[in-house]
Amino acid sequence: MSEDDRRQFPRLELSEDAFAVDEKDGSQLGRVAEAGGGGFLIYPATPDAIKKLSVGNRLRITVKEPRSKAASTIDVEVRYRKGEALGVQFAKSQKGT
């Protein structure tokens, strides 16, 4: 059985220009790819983005797709690094903590 067959959620299609922004300071974190029901990959844009996306960090980000003008703000936790990409998992809201 392949890894794709074991996925709990299907992968979602995002435009190639989808990117993540740190809600805390508005900085661009990087390109978003391979989104699924549990999270997605971010390809960091800068060395500063890599620092913010250290494994274990939790942050609130907005994913933007300029072509469709869609934007979604979500809480995530960085779970792993896969080559140049960082895997983030959707997390419960951090409001009130």
PDB file of N, CA and C in Angstrom:
ATOM      1  N   MET A   1       0.855  -1.188   0.000  1.00  0.00           N
ATOM      2  CA  MET A   1       0.000   0.000   0.000  1.00  0.00           C
ATOM      3  C   MET A   1       0.893   1.240   0.000  1.00  0.00           C
ATOM      4  N   SER A   2       0.660   2.158  -0.911  1.00  0.00           N
ATOM      5  CA  SER A   2       1.483   3.361  -0.986  1.00  0.00           C
ATOM      6  C   SER A   2       1.069   4.356   0.094  1.00  0.00           C
ATOM      7  N   GLU A   3       1.964   5.332   0.338  1.00  0.00           N
ATOM      8  CA  GLU A   3       1.673   6.367   1.331  1.00  0.00           C
ATOM      9  C   GLU A   3       0.418   7.137   0.958  1.00  0.00           C
ATOM     10  N   ASP A   4       0.219   7.419  -0.355  1.00  0.00           N
ATOM     11  CA  ASP A   4      -0.967   8.148  -0.800  1.00  0.00           C
ATOM     12  C   ASP A   4      -2.250   7.392  -0.474  1.00  0.00           C
ATOM     13  N   ASP A   5      -2.219   6.044  -0.541  1.00  0.00           N
ATOM     14  CA  ASP A   5      -3.399   5.240  -0.238  1.00  0.00           C
ATOM     15  C   ASP A   5      -3.770   5.301   1.238  1.00  0.00           C
ATOM     16  N   ARG A   6      -2.807   5.617   2.089  1.00  0.00           N
ATOM     17  CA  ARG A   6      -3.050   5.647   3.534  1.00  0.00           C
ATOM     18  C   ARG A   6      -3.464   7.022   4.037  1.00  0.00           C
ATOM     19  N   ARG A   7      -3.433   8.010   3.195  1.00  0.00           N
ATOM     20  CA  ARG A   7      -3.766   9.365   3.642  1.00  0.00           C
ATOM     21  C   ARG A   7      -5.189   9.422   4.186  1.00  0.00           C
ATOM     22  N   GLN A   8      -5.331  10.142   5.296  1.00  0.00           N
ATOM     23  CA  GLN A   8      -6.649  10.318   5.896  1.00  0.00           C
ATOM     24  C   GLN A   8      -7.483  11.304   5.085  1.00  0.00           C
ATOM     25  N   PHE A   9      -6.816  12.290   4.460  1.00  0.00           N
ATOM     26  CA  PHE A   9      -7.497  13.326   3.689  1.00  0.00           C
ATOM     27  C   PHE A   9      -6.897  13.411   2.297  1.00  0.00           C
ATOM     28  N   PRO A  10      -7.707  13.701   1.276  1.00  0.00           N
ATOM     29  CA  PRO A  10      -7.154  13.868  -0.069  1.00  0.00           C
ATOM     30  C   PRO A  10      -6.378  15.174  -0.170  1.00  0.00           C
ATOM     31  N   ARG A  11      -5.456  15.252  -1.109  1.00  0.00           N
ATOM     32  CA  ARG A  11      -4.719  16.486  -1.363  1.00  0.00           C
ATOM     33  C   ARG A  11      -5.620  17.466  -2.105  1.00  0.00           C
ATOM     34  N   LEU A  12      -5.481  18.754  -1.795  1.00  0.00           N
ATOM     35  CA  LEU A  12      -6.272  19.805  -2.428  1.00  0.00           C
ATOM     36  C   LEU A  12      -5.400  20.553  -3.434  1.00  0.00           C
ATOM     37  N   GLU A  13      -5.985  20.963  -4.513  1.00  0.00           N
ATOM     38  CA  GLU A  13      -5.263  21.719  -5.526  1.00  0.00           C
ATOM     39  C   GLU A  13      -5.189  23.191  -5.134  1.00  0.00           C
ATOM     40  N   LEU A  14      -3.999  23.754  -5.196  1.00  0.00           N
ATOM     41  CA  LEU A  14      -3.787  25.177  -4.973  1.00  0.00           C
ATOM     42  C   LEU A  14      -3.106  25.738  -6.209  1.00  0.00           C
ATOM     43  N   SER A  15      -3.341  26.998  -6.486  1.00  0.00           N
ATOM     44  CA  SER A  15      -2.640  27.614  -7.608  1.00  0.00           C
ATOM     45  C   SER A  15      -1.155  27.702  -7.272  1.00  0.00           C
ATOM     46  N   GLU A  16      -0.320  27.765  -8.296  1.00  0.00           N
ATOM     47  CA  GLU A  16       1.123  27.807  -8.078  1.00  0.00           C
ATOM     48  C   GLU A  16       1.575  29.074  -7.376  1.00  0.00           C
ATOM     49  N   ASP A  17       0.730  30.101  -7.357  1.00  0.00           N
ATOM     50  CA  ASP A  17       1.133  31.347  -6.712  1.00  0.00           C
ATOM     51  C   ASP A  17       0.579  31.495  -5.293  1.00  0.00           C
ATOM     52  N   ALA A  18       0.027  30.419  -4.712  1.00  0.00           N
ATOM     53  CA  ALA A  18      -0.470  30.474  -3.335  1.00  0.00           C
ATOM     54  C   ALA A  18       0.714  30.658  -2.382  1.00  0.00           C
ATOM     55  N   PHE A  19       0.557  31.552  -1.404  1.00  0.00           N
ATOM     56  CA  PHE A  19       1.639  31.788  -0.453  1.00  0.00           C
ATOM     57  C   PHE A  19       1.087  32.039   0.941  1.00  0.00           C
ATOM     58  N   ALA A  20       1.981  31.879   1.935  1.00  0.00           N
ATOM     59  CA  ALA A  20       1.608  32.054   3.340  1.00  0.00           C
ATOM     60  C   ALA A  20       2.236  33.332   3.881  1.00  0.00           C
ATOM     61  N   VAL A  21       1.464  34.029   4.723  1.00  0.00           N
ATOM     62  CA  VAL A  21       1.904  35.263   5.362  1.00  0.00           C
ATOM     63  C   VAL A  21       1.759  35.101   6.872  1.00  0.00           C
ATOM     64  N   ASP A  22       2.777  35.526   7.629  1.00  0.00           N
ATOM     65  CA  ASP A  22       2.735  35.496   9.094  1.00  0.00           C
ATOM     66  C   ASP A  22       1.780  36.599   9.570  1.00  0.00           C
ATOM     67  N   GLU A  23       0.731  36.221  10.273  1.00  0.00           N
ATOM     68  CA  GLU A  23      -0.250  37.212  10.735  1.00  0.00           C
ATOM     69  C   GLU A  23       0.329  38.145  11.793  1.00  0.00           C
ATOM     70  N   LYS A  24       1.357  37.720  12.485  1.00  0.00           N
ATOM     71  CA  LYS A  24       1.939  38.543  13.549  1.00  0.00           C
ATOM     72  C   LYS A  24       2.600  39.811  13.006  1.00  0.00           C
ATOM     73  N   ASP A  25       3.371  39.661  11.906  1.00  0.00           N
ATOM     74  CA  ASP A  25       4.088  40.826  11.401  1.00  0.00           C
ATOM     75  C   ASP A  25       3.881  41.093   9.906  1.00  0.00           C
ATOM     76  N   GLY A  26       3.065  40.280   9.244  1.00  0.00           N
ATOM     77  CA  GLY A  26       2.758  40.496   7.833  1.00  0.00           C
ATOM     78  C   GLY A  26       3.821  40.030   6.853  1.00  0.00           C
ATOM     79  N   SER A  27       4.880  39.377   7.350  1.00  0.00           N
ATOM     80  CA  SER A  27       5.949  38.938   6.451  1.00  0.00           C
ATOM     81  C   SER A  27       5.532  37.703   5.658  1.00  0.00           C
ATOM     82  N   GLN A  28       6.026  37.624   4.422  1.00  0.00           N
ATOM     83  CA  GLN A  28       5.719  36.466   3.585  1.00  0.00           C
ATOM     84  C   GLN A  28       6.597  35.304   4.037  1.00  0.00           C
ATOM     85  N   LEU A  29       5.957  34.138   4.264  1.00  0.00           N
ATOM     86  CA  LEU A  29       6.678  32.954   4.722  1.00  0.00           C
ATOM     87  C   LEU A  29       7.142  32.084   3.561  1.00  0.00           C
ATOM     88  N   GLY A  30       6.333  31.963   2.523  1.00  0.00           N
ATOM     89  CA  GLY A  30       6.737  31.157   1.383  1.00  0.00           C
ATOM     90  C   GLY A  30       5.564  30.596   0.618  1.00  0.00           C
ATOM     91  N   ARG A  31       5.896  29.821  -0.431  1.00  0.00           N
ATOM     92  CA  ARG A  31       4.890  29.207  -1.298  1.00  0.00           C
ATOM     93  C   ARG A  31       4.245  28.018  -0.593  1.00  0.00           C
ATOM     94  N   VAL A  32       2.937  27.882  -0.766  1.00  0.00           N
ATOM     95  CA  VAL A  32       2.168  26.787  -0.170  1.00  0.00           C
ATOM     96  C   VAL A  32       1.890  25.742  -1.245  1.00  0.00           C
ATOM     97  N   ALA A  33       2.061  24.460  -0.870  1.00  0.00           N
ATOM     98  CA  ALA A  33       1.828  23.368  -1.818  1.00  0.00           C
ATOM     99  C   ALA A  33       1.312  22.146  -1.081  1.00  0.00           C
ATOM    100  N   GLU A  34       0.782  21.204  -1.828  1.00  0.00           N
ATOM    101  CA  GLU A  34       0.342  19.909  -1.307  1.00  0.00           C
ATOM    102  C   GLU A  34      -0.570  20.031  -0.084  1.00  0.00           C
ATOM    103  N   ALA A  35      -1.596  20.835  -0.188  1.00  0.00           N
ATOM    104  CA  ALA A  35      -2.526  21.006   0.925  1.00  0.00           C
ATOM    105  C   ALA A  35      -3.453  19.810   1.042  1.00  0.00           C
ATOM    106  N   GLY A  36      -3.764  19.432   2.255  1.00  0.00           N
ATOM    107  CA  GLY A  36      -4.704  18.357   2.529  1.00  0.00           C
ATOM    108  C   GLY A  36      -5.529  18.719   3.750  1.00  0.00           C
ATOM    109  N   GLY A  37      -6.368  17.821   4.190  1.00  0.00           N
ATOM    110  CA  GLY A  37      -7.241  18.083   5.325  1.00  0.00           C
ATOM    111  C   GLY A  37      -6.518  18.249   6.645  1.00  0.00           C
ATOM    112  N   GLY A  38      -5.272  17.796   6.727  1.00  0.00           N
ATOM    113  CA  GLY A  38      -4.529  17.888   7.976  1.00  0.00           C
ATOM    114  C   GLY A  38      -3.488  18.979   8.000  1.00  0.00           C
ATOM    115  N   GLY A  39      -3.123  19.512   6.816  1.00  0.00           N
ATOM    116  CA  GLY A  39      -2.091  20.540   6.770  1.00  0.00           C
ATOM    117  C   GLY A  39      -1.579  20.725   5.363  1.00  0.00           C
ATOM    118  N   PHE A  40      -0.358  21.235   5.231  1.00  0.00           N
ATOM    119  CA  PHE A  40       0.224  21.488   3.922  1.00  0.00           C
ATOM    120  C   PHE A  40       1.718  21.708   4.048  1.00  0.00           C
ATOM    121  N   LEU A  41       2.384  21.855   2.915  1.00  0.00           N
ATOM    122  CA  LEU A  41       3.811  22.164   2.872  1.00  0.00           C
ATOM    123  C   LEU A  41       4.008  23.636   2.560  1.00  0.00           C
ATOM    124  N   ILE A  42       5.032  24.225   3.165  1.00  0.00           N
ATOM    125  CA  ILE A  42       5.450  25.589   2.850  1.00  0.00           C
ATOM    126  C   ILE A  42       6.904  25.517   2.391  1.00  0.00           C
ATOM    127  N   TYR A  43       7.182  26.138   1.238  1.00  0.00           N
ATOM    128  CA  TYR A  43       8.545  26.273   0.748  1.00  0.00           C
ATOM    129  C   TYR A  43       9.008  27.673   1.141  1.00  0.00           C
ATOM    130  N   PRO A  44       9.845  27.794   2.199  1.00  0.00           N
ATOM    131  CA  PRO A  44      10.221  29.100   2.742  1.00  0.00           C
ATOM    132  C   PRO A  44      10.817  30.047   1.710  1.00  0.00           C
ATOM    133  N   ALA A  45      10.466  31.329   1.843  1.00  0.00           N
ATOM    134  CA  ALA A  45      10.892  32.356   0.897  1.00  0.00           C
ATOM    135  C   ALA A  45      12.234  32.980   1.280  1.00  0.00           C
ATOM    136  N   THR A  46      12.551  33.013   2.571  1.00  0.00           N
ATOM    137  CA  THR A  46      13.750  33.708   3.054  1.00  0.00           C
ATOM    138  C   THR A  46      14.347  32.964   4.253  1.00  0.00           C
ATOM    139  N   PRO A  47      15.603  33.277   4.601  1.00  0.00           N
ATOM    140  CA  PRO A  47      16.185  32.692   5.820  1.00  0.00           C
ATOM    141  C   PRO A  47      15.371  33.038   7.078  1.00  0.00           C
ATOM    142  N   ASP A  48      14.799  34.253   7.122  1.00  0.00           N
ATOM    143  CA  ASP A  48      13.964  34.638   8.265  1.00  0.00           C
ATOM    144  C   ASP A  48      12.717  33.753   8.348  1.00  0.00           C
ATOM    145  N   ALA A  49      12.132  33.422   7.200  1.00  0.00           N
ATOM    146  CA  ALA A  49      10.960  32.537   7.180  1.00  0.00           C
ATOM    147  C   ALA A  49      11.334  31.155   7.703  1.00  0.00           C
ATOM    148  N   ILE A  50      12.512  30.670   7.351  1.00  0.00           N
ATOM    149  CA  ILE A  50      12.959  29.363   7.845  1.00  0.00           C
ATOM    150  C   ILE A  50      13.035  29.369   9.362  1.00  0.00           C
ATOM    151  N   LYS A  51      13.550  30.455   9.952  1.00  0.00           N
ATOM    152  CA  LYS A  51      13.624  30.566  11.423  1.00  0.00           C
ATOM    153  C   LYS A  51      12.235  30.524  12.045  1.00  0.00           C
ATOM    154  N   LYS A  52      11.289  31.277  11.460  1.00  0.00           N
ATOM    155  CA  LYS A  52       9.924  31.310  11.996  1.00  0.00           C
ATOM    156  C   LYS A  52       9.244  29.952  11.881  1.00  0.00           C
ATOM    157  N   LEU A  53       9.650  29.172  10.857  1.00  0.00           N
ATOM    158  CA  LEU A  53       9.019  27.885  10.594  1.00  0.00           C
ATOM    159  C   LEU A  53       9.814  26.718  11.178  1.00  0.00           C
ATOM    160  N   SER A  54      10.496  26.945  12.288  1.00  0.00           N
ATOM    161  CA  SER A  54      11.239  25.868  12.948  1.00  0.00           C
ATOM    162  C   SER A  54      10.267  24.810  13.448  1.00  0.00           C
ATOM    163  N   VAL A  55      10.684  23.551  13.367  1.00  0.00           N
ATOM    164  CA  VAL A  55       9.837  22.447  13.823  1.00  0.00           C
ATOM    165  C   VAL A  55       9.429  22.685  15.280  1.00  0.00           C
ATOM    166  N   GLY A  56       8.139  22.553  15.544  1.00  0.00           N
ATOM    167  CA  GLY A  56       7.576  22.767  16.880  1.00  0.00           C
ATOM    168  C   GLY A  56       6.931  24.127  17.072  1.00  0.00           C
ATOM    169  N   ASN A  57       7.277  25.101  16.222  1.00  0.00           N
ATOM    170  CA  ASN A  57       6.682  26.438  16.348  1.00  0.00           C
ATOM    171  C   ASN A  57       5.209  26.405  15.968  1.00  0.00           C
ATOM    172  N   ARG A  58       4.430  27.203  16.685  1.00  0.00           N
ATOM    173  CA  ARG A  58       3.011  27.408  16.360  1.00  0.00           C
ATOM    174  C   ARG A  58       2.844  28.852  15.944  1.00  0.00           C
ATOM    175  N   LEU A  59       2.074  29.079  14.894  1.00  0.00           N
ATOM    176  CA  LEU A  59       1.817  30.438  14.461  1.00  0.00           C
ATOM    177  C   LEU A  59       0.504  30.517  13.700  1.00  0.00           C
ATOM    178  N   ARG A  60       0.025  31.729  13.568  1.00  0.00           N
ATOM    179  CA  ARG A  60      -1.192  31.998  12.801  1.00  0.00           C
ATOM    180  C   ARG A  60      -0.751  32.571  11.461  1.00  0.00           C
ATOM    181  N   ILE A  61      -1.225  31.958  10.389  1.00  0.00           N
ATOM    182  CA  ILE A  61      -0.841  32.399   9.056  1.00  0.00           C
ATOM    183  C   ILE A  61      -2.082  32.623   8.202  1.00  0.00           C
ATOM    184  N   THR A  62      -1.901  33.411   7.160  1.00  0.00           N
ATOM    185  CA  THR A  62      -2.936  33.574   6.141  1.00  0.00           C
ATOM    186  C   THR A  62      -2.386  33.012   4.841  1.00  0.00           C
ATOM    187  N   VAL A  63      -3.141  32.107   4.227  1.00  0.00           N
ATOM    188  CA  VAL A  63      -2.793  31.564   2.920  1.00  0.00           C
ATOM    189  C   VAL A  63      -3.562  32.375   1.896  1.00  0.00           C
ATOM    190  N   LYS A  64      -2.831  32.933   0.938  1.00  0.00           N
ATOM    191  CA  LYS A  64      -3.436  33.782  -0.087  1.00  0.00           C
ATOM    192  C   LYS A  64      -3.221  33.172  -1.465  1.00  0.00           C
ATOM    193  N   GLU A  65      -4.268  33.247  -2.289  1.00  0.00           N
ATOM    194  CA  GLU A  65      -4.187  32.848  -3.690  1.00  0.00           C
ATOM    195  C   GLU A  65      -4.566  34.070  -4.516  1.00  0.00           C
ATOM    196  N   PRO A  66      -3.583  34.814  -4.998  1.00  0.00           N
ATOM    197  CA  PRO A  66      -3.851  36.072  -5.704  1.00  0.00           C
ATOM    198  C   PRO A  66      -4.800  35.967  -6.895  1.00  0.00           C
ATOM    199  N   ARG A  67      -4.702  34.900  -7.678  1.00  0.00           N
ATOM    200  CA  ARG A  67      -5.564  34.795  -8.873  1.00  0.00           C
ATOM    201  C   ARG A  67      -7.041  34.780  -8.515  1.00  0.00           C
ATOM    202  N   SER A  68      -7.387  34.014  -7.474  1.00  0.00           N
ATOM    203  CA  SER A  68      -8.794  33.912  -7.085  1.00  0.00           C
ATOM    204  C   SER A  68      -9.155  34.930  -6.011  1.00  0.00           C
ATOM    205  N   LYS A  69      -8.156  35.640  -5.500  1.00  0.00           N
ATOM    206  CA  LYS A  69      -8.332  36.619  -4.417  1.00  0.00           C
ATOM    207  C   LYS A  69      -8.830  35.958  -3.132  1.00  0.00           C
ATOM    208  N   ALA A  70      -8.601  34.656  -2.997  1.00  0.00           N
ATOM    209  CA  ALA A  70      -8.992  33.924  -1.790  1.00  0.00           C
ATOM    210  C   ALA A  70      -7.920  34.094  -0.720  1.00  0.00           C
ATOM    211  N   ALA A  71      -8.353  34.127   0.546  1.00  0.00           N
ATOM    212  CA  ALA A  71      -7.434  34.206   1.677  1.00  0.00           C
ATOM    213  C   ALA A  71      -8.085  33.508   2.866  1.00  0.00           C
ATOM    214  N   SER A  72      -7.301  32.678   3.556  1.00  0.00           N
ATOM    215  CA  SER A  72      -7.799  31.969   4.740  1.00  0.00           C
ATOM    216  C   SER A  72      -6.761  32.067   5.839  1.00  0.00           C
ATOM    217  N   THR A  73      -7.197  32.461   7.032  1.00  0.00           N
ATOM    218  CA  THR A  73      -6.300  32.574   8.180  1.00  0.00           C
ATOM    219  C   THR A  73      -6.493  31.360   9.074  1.00  0.00           C
ATOM    220  N   ILE A  74      -5.377  30.717   9.431  1.00  0.00           N
ATOM    221  CA  ILE A  74      -5.424  29.480  10.211  1.00  0.00           C
ATOM    222  C   ILE A  74      -4.251  29.400  11.177  1.00  0.00           C
ATOM    223  N   ASP A  75      -4.455  28.647  12.250  1.00  0.00           N
ATOM    224  CA  ASP A  75      -3.395  28.342  13.196  1.00  0.00           C
ATOM    225  C   ASP A  75      -2.738  27.042  12.762  1.00  0.00           C
ATOM    226  N   VAL A  76      -1.401  27.014  12.790  1.00  0.00           N
ATOM    227  CA  VAL A  76      -0.668  25.822  12.390  1.00  0.00           C
ATOM    228  C   VAL A  76       0.461  25.544  13.367  1.00  0.00           C
ATOM    229  N   GLU A  77       0.939  24.301  13.323  1.00  0.00           N
ATOM    230  CA  GLU A  77       2.149  23.914  14.045  1.00  0.00           C
ATOM    231  C   GLU A  77       3.080  23.273  13.031  1.00  0.00           C
ATOM    232  N   VAL A  78       4.347  23.688  13.042  1.00  0.00           N
ATOM    233  CA  VAL A  78       5.329  23.113  12.131  1.00  0.00           C
ATOM    234  C   VAL A  78       5.706  21.736  12.674  1.00  0.00           C
ATOM    235  N   ARG A  79       5.505  20.694  11.861  1.00  0.00           N
ATOM    236  CA  ARG A  79       5.691  19.316  12.319  1.00  0.00           C
ATOM    237  C   ARG A  79       6.969  18.664  11.817  1.00  0.00           C
ATOM    238  N   TYR A  80       7.400  18.980  10.591  1.00  0.00           N
ATOM    239  CA  TYR A  80       8.592  18.314  10.055  1.00  0.00           C
ATOM    240  C   TYR A  80       9.184  19.099   8.890  1.00  0.00           C
ATOM    241  N   ARG A  81      10.410  18.736   8.563  1.00  0.00           N
ATOM    242  CA  ARG A  81      11.080  19.291   7.385  1.00  0.00           C
ATOM    243  C   ARG A  81      11.251  18.162   6.385  1.00  0.00           C
ATOM    244  N   LYS A  82      10.948  18.427   5.114  1.00  0.00           N
ATOM    245  CA  LYS A  82      11.053  17.441   4.035  1.00  0.00           C
ATOM    246  C   LYS A  82      11.821  18.115   2.900  1.00  0.00           C
ATOM    247  N   GLY A  83      13.134  17.932   2.857  1.00  0.00           N
ATOM    248  CA  GLY A  83      13.952  18.638   1.876  1.00  0.00           C
ATOM    249  C   GLY A  83      13.890  20.129   2.140  1.00  0.00           C
ATOM    250  N   GLU A  84      13.515  20.897   1.132  1.00  0.00           N
ATOM    251  CA  GLU A  84      13.388  22.346   1.285  1.00  0.00           C
ATOM    252  C   GLU A  84      12.050  22.764   1.885  1.00  0.00           C
ATOM    253  N   ALA A  85      11.091  21.843   1.959  1.00  0.00           N
ATOM    254  CA  ALA A  85       9.741  22.171   2.429  1.00  0.00           C
ATOM    255  C   ALA A  85       9.590  21.894   3.924  1.00  0.00           C
ATOM    256  N   LEU A  86       8.671  22.631   4.522  1.00  0.00           N
ATOM    257  CA  LEU A  86       8.314  22.418   5.926  1.00  0.00           C
ATOM    258  C   LEU A  86       6.847  22.020   5.994  1.00  0.00           C
ATOM    259  N   GLY A  87       6.567  20.936   6.693  1.00  0.00           N
ATOM    260  CA  GLY A  87       5.207  20.443   6.832  1.00  0.00           C
ATOM    261  C   GLY A  87       4.527  21.053   8.032  1.00  0.00           C
ATOM    262  N   VAL A  88       3.367  21.668   7.814  1.00  0.00           N
ATOM    263  CA  VAL A  88       2.603  22.252   8.917  1.00  0.00           C
ATOM    264  C   VAL A  88       1.273  21.521   9.063  1.00  0.00           C
ATOM    265  N   GLN A  89       0.853  21.385  10.314  1.00  0.00           N
ATOM    266  CA  GLN A  89      -0.404  20.727  10.647  1.00  0.00           C
ATOM    267  C   GLN A  89      -1.367  21.777  11.174  1.00  0.00           C
ATOM    268  N   PHE A  90      -2.632  21.678  10.774  1.00  0.00           N
ATOM    269  CA  PHE A  90      -3.630  22.586  11.318  1.00  0.00           C
ATOM    270  C   PHE A  90      -3.700  22.385  12.819  1.00  0.00           C
ATOM    271  N   ALA A  91      -3.838  23.481  13.577  1.00  0.00           N
ATOM    272  CA  ALA A  91      -3.867  23.434  15.030  1.00  0.00           C
ATOM    273  C   ALA A  91      -5.099  24.148  15.536  1.00  0.00           C
ATOM    274  N   LYS A  92      -5.455  23.870  16.769  1.00  0.00           N
ATOM    275  CA  LYS A  92      -6.569  24.583  17.390  1.00  0.00           C
ATOM    276  C   LYS A  92      -6.179  26.043  17.580  1.00  0.00           C
ATOM    277  N   SER A  93      -7.170  26.916  17.568  1.00  0.00           N
ATOM    278  CA  SER A  93      -6.952  28.347  17.728  1.00  0.00           C
ATOM    279  C   SER A  93      -6.180  28.643  18.997  1.00  0.00           C
ATOM    280  N   GLN A  94      -5.288  29.620  18.907  1.00  0.00           N
ATOM    281  CA  GLN A  94      -4.479  30.032  20.057  1.00  0.00           C
ATOM    282  C   GLN A  94      -5.107  31.215  20.792  1.00  0.00           C
ATOM    283  N   LYS A  95      -6.286  31.640  20.390  1.00  0.00           N
ATOM    284  CA  LYS A  95      -6.941  32.780  21.032  1.00  0.00           C
ATOM    285  C   LYS A  95      -7.121  32.492  22.514  1.00  0.00           C
ATOM    286  N   GLY A  96      -6.845  33.514  23.300  1.00  0.00           N
ATOM    287  CA  GLY A  96      -7.059  33.401  24.747  1.00  0.00           C
ATOM    288  C   GLY A  96      -5.947  32.664  25.466  1.00  0.00           C
ATOM    289  N   THR A  97      -4.840  32.360  24.767  1.00  0.00           N
ATOM    290  CA  THR A  97      -3.711  31.702  25.443  1.00  0.00           C
ATOM    291  C   THR A  97      -2.562  32.631  25.585  1.00  0.00           C
TER     292      THR A  97
END
